[in-house]
Amino acid sequence: MEKDTHKRSMAKSIIWRIIGVFWLAGITWLFTRNWITVGFITFIHHAIFLVVFYLHERAWASCRWISGWKYIVKAFVYEIGLGNIVLGLITYFITGDIKTVTLVALTYTSSKIVLYFFYDWYWSKK
């Protein structure tokens, strides 16, 4: 396994944002059917999370847990702890609708937990 350098964390962050943009746009479209809303939510969320993901990676780089548990805990901290709160606030600010917030945030977050676990596992093998 390669050491988690700043360059590696940045590469992981950029690739993860690209995946996340398409993932969030698709989910937001399912529940809003409004391209302007999709654009605002997706852009704001991923602009913020480009920095959040990098900082998250750097914080976990020094953690030396048993590898299987580390990836599970990282996924939950990142997607539930950070993702749900921030995405929920952004979605509420843009739509003003708690039902849309619930549908978008819970669908996006729950599906991304699984995706993130495998994404992080894949990078651990490189």
Protein backbone atom coordinates (compact mmCIF):
# COMPACT_ATOMS: atom_id res chain seq x y z
CA MET A 1 0.00 0.00 0.00
CA GLU A 2 1.30 3.43 -0.94
CA LYS A 3 1.82 6.04 1.77
CA ASP A 4 -0.96 8.64 1.91
CA THR A 5 0.83 11.71 0.62
CA HIS A 6 -0.70 15.15 0.06
CA LYS A 7 -0.61 14.53 -3.71
CA ARG A 8 -2.37 11.17 -3.32
CA SER A 9 -5.03 12.70 -1.04
CA MET A 10 -5.62 15.45 -3.61
CA ALA A 11 -5.98 12.89 -6.44
CA LYS A 12 -8.43 10.82 -4.37
CA SER A 13 -10.37 13.98 -3.55
CA ILE A 14 -10.69 15.15 -7.16
CA ILE A 15 -11.72 11.73 -8.48
CA TRP A 16 -14.22 11.28 -5.65
CA ARG A 17 -15.74 14.70 -6.41
CA ILE A 18 -16.21 13.76 -10.08
CA ILE A 19 -18.01 10.57 -9.07
CA GLY A 20 -20.03 12.46 -6.49
CA VAL A 21 -21.13 15.19 -8.91
CA PHE A 22 -22.80 12.70 -11.21
CA TRP A 23 -24.19 10.66 -8.30
CA LEU A 24 -25.72 13.68 -6.53
CA ALA A 25 -27.03 15.22 -9.75
CA GLY A 26 -28.84 11.99 -10.62
CA ILE A 27 -30.38 11.60 -7.19
CA THR A 28 -31.36 15.26 -6.95
CA TRP A 29 -32.97 15.06 -10.40
CA LEU A 30 -35.01 12.03 -9.30
CA PHE A 31 -36.62 14.02 -6.49
CA THR A 32 -36.81 17.56 -7.90
CA ARG A 33 -37.07 17.25 -11.70
CA ASN A 34 -35.58 20.75 -11.86
CA TRP A 35 -32.20 21.27 -13.55
CA ILE A 36 -31.60 24.65 -11.88
CA THR A 37 -32.10 23.11 -8.43
CA VAL A 38 -29.89 20.17 -9.43
CA GLY A 39 -27.18 22.57 -10.57
CA PHE A 40 -27.21 24.72 -7.45
CA ILE A 41 -27.27 21.84 -4.96
CA THR A 42 -24.64 19.85 -6.83
CA PHE A 43 -22.28 22.78 -7.37
CA ILE A 44 -22.44 24.14 -3.81
CA HIS A 45 -22.17 20.72 -2.20
CA HIS A 46 -19.17 19.63 -4.22
CA ALA A 47 -17.37 22.94 -3.99
CA ILE A 48 -17.51 22.64 -0.20
CA PHE A 49 -16.70 18.94 -0.17
CA LEU A 50 -13.62 19.21 -2.37
CA VAL A 51 -11.96 20.82 0.65
CA VAL A 52 -13.78 18.69 3.26
CA PHE A 53 -12.71 15.42 1.60
CA TYR A 54 -9.06 16.49 1.42
CA LEU A 55 -9.06 17.46 5.11
CA HIS A 56 -10.86 14.22 5.98
CA GLU A 57 -8.20 12.19 4.13
CA ARG A 58 -5.36 14.01 5.89
CA ALA A 59 -6.96 13.47 9.30
CA TRP A 60 -7.34 9.73 8.67
CA ALA A 61 -3.86 9.35 7.13
CA SER A 62 -2.30 9.14 10.58
CA CYS A 63 -4.87 6.68 11.95
CA ARG A 64 -3.47 3.12 12.24
CA TRP A 65 -6.56 1.01 12.90
CA ILE A 66 -7.20 -2.53 11.78
CA SER A 67 -7.71 -1.94 8.07
CA GLY A 68 -11.19 -3.46 7.71
CA TRP A 69 -12.66 -1.37 10.53
CA LYS A 70 -10.87 1.77 9.42
CA TYR A 71 -12.67 1.81 6.06
CA ILE A 72 -16.07 1.19 7.62
CA VAL A 73 -15.64 3.90 10.26
CA LYS A 74 -14.25 6.35 7.68
CA ALA A 75 -17.23 5.79 5.42
CA PHE A 76 -19.75 6.40 8.19
CA VAL A 77 -17.97 9.47 9.59
CA TYR A 78 -17.61 11.01 6.15
CA GLU A 79 -21.01 10.24 4.65
CA ILE A 80 -23.25 10.41 7.72
CA GLY A 81 -21.42 12.81 9.97
CA LEU A 82 -20.30 15.27 7.35
CA GLY A 83 -22.34 14.49 4.26
CA ASN A 84 -25.83 14.33 5.71
CA ILE A 85 -25.56 17.55 7.68
CA VAL A 86 -24.01 19.66 4.94
CA LEU A 87 -26.13 18.27 2.10
CA GLY A 88 -29.29 18.63 4.19
CA LEU A 89 -28.56 22.28 4.94
CA ILE A 90 -27.71 23.07 1.32
CA THR A 91 -30.81 21.29 0.01
CA TYR A 92 -33.04 23.04 2.52
CA PHE A 93 -31.51 26.42 1.69
CA ILE A 94 -32.13 25.87 -2.06
CA THR A 95 -35.56 24.17 -1.92
CA GLY A 96 -37.06 25.16 1.43
CA ASP A 97 -38.76 21.75 1.44
CA ILE A 98 -38.06 19.31 4.26
CA LYS A 99 -39.45 16.37 2.26
CA THR A 100 -36.95 17.03 -0.54
CA VAL A 101 -34.16 17.40 2.02
CA THR A 102 -35.04 14.05 3.54
CA LEU A 103 -35.32 12.22 0.21
CA VAL A 104 -32.15 13.66 -1.34
CA ALA A 105 -29.95 13.51 1.76
CA LEU A 106 -30.95 10.03 2.90
CA THR A 107 -30.82 8.47 -0.57
CA TYR A 108 -27.52 10.11 -1.45
CA THR A 109 -25.90 9.40 1.90
CA SER A 110 -26.99 5.79 2.24
CA SER A 111 -25.90 4.89 -1.29
CA LYS A 112 -22.63 6.78 -0.96
CA ILE A 113 -21.67 4.90 2.22
CA VAL A 114 -21.44 1.72 0.22
CA LEU A 115 -19.77 3.42 -2.73
CA TYR A 116 -17.24 5.17 -0.46
CA PHE A 117 -16.31 1.95 1.34
CA PHE A 118 -15.40 0.29 -1.96
CA TYR A 119 -13.72 3.44 -3.30
CA ASP A 120 -11.48 3.70 -0.23
CA TRP A 121 -10.79 -0.04 -0.25
CA TYR A 122 -9.77 0.18 -3.92
CA TRP A 123 -7.32 3.00 -3.19
CA SER A 124 -5.84 1.02 -0.29
CA LYS A 125 -4.81 -1.66 -2.79
CA LYS A 126 -2.97 0.78 -5.08
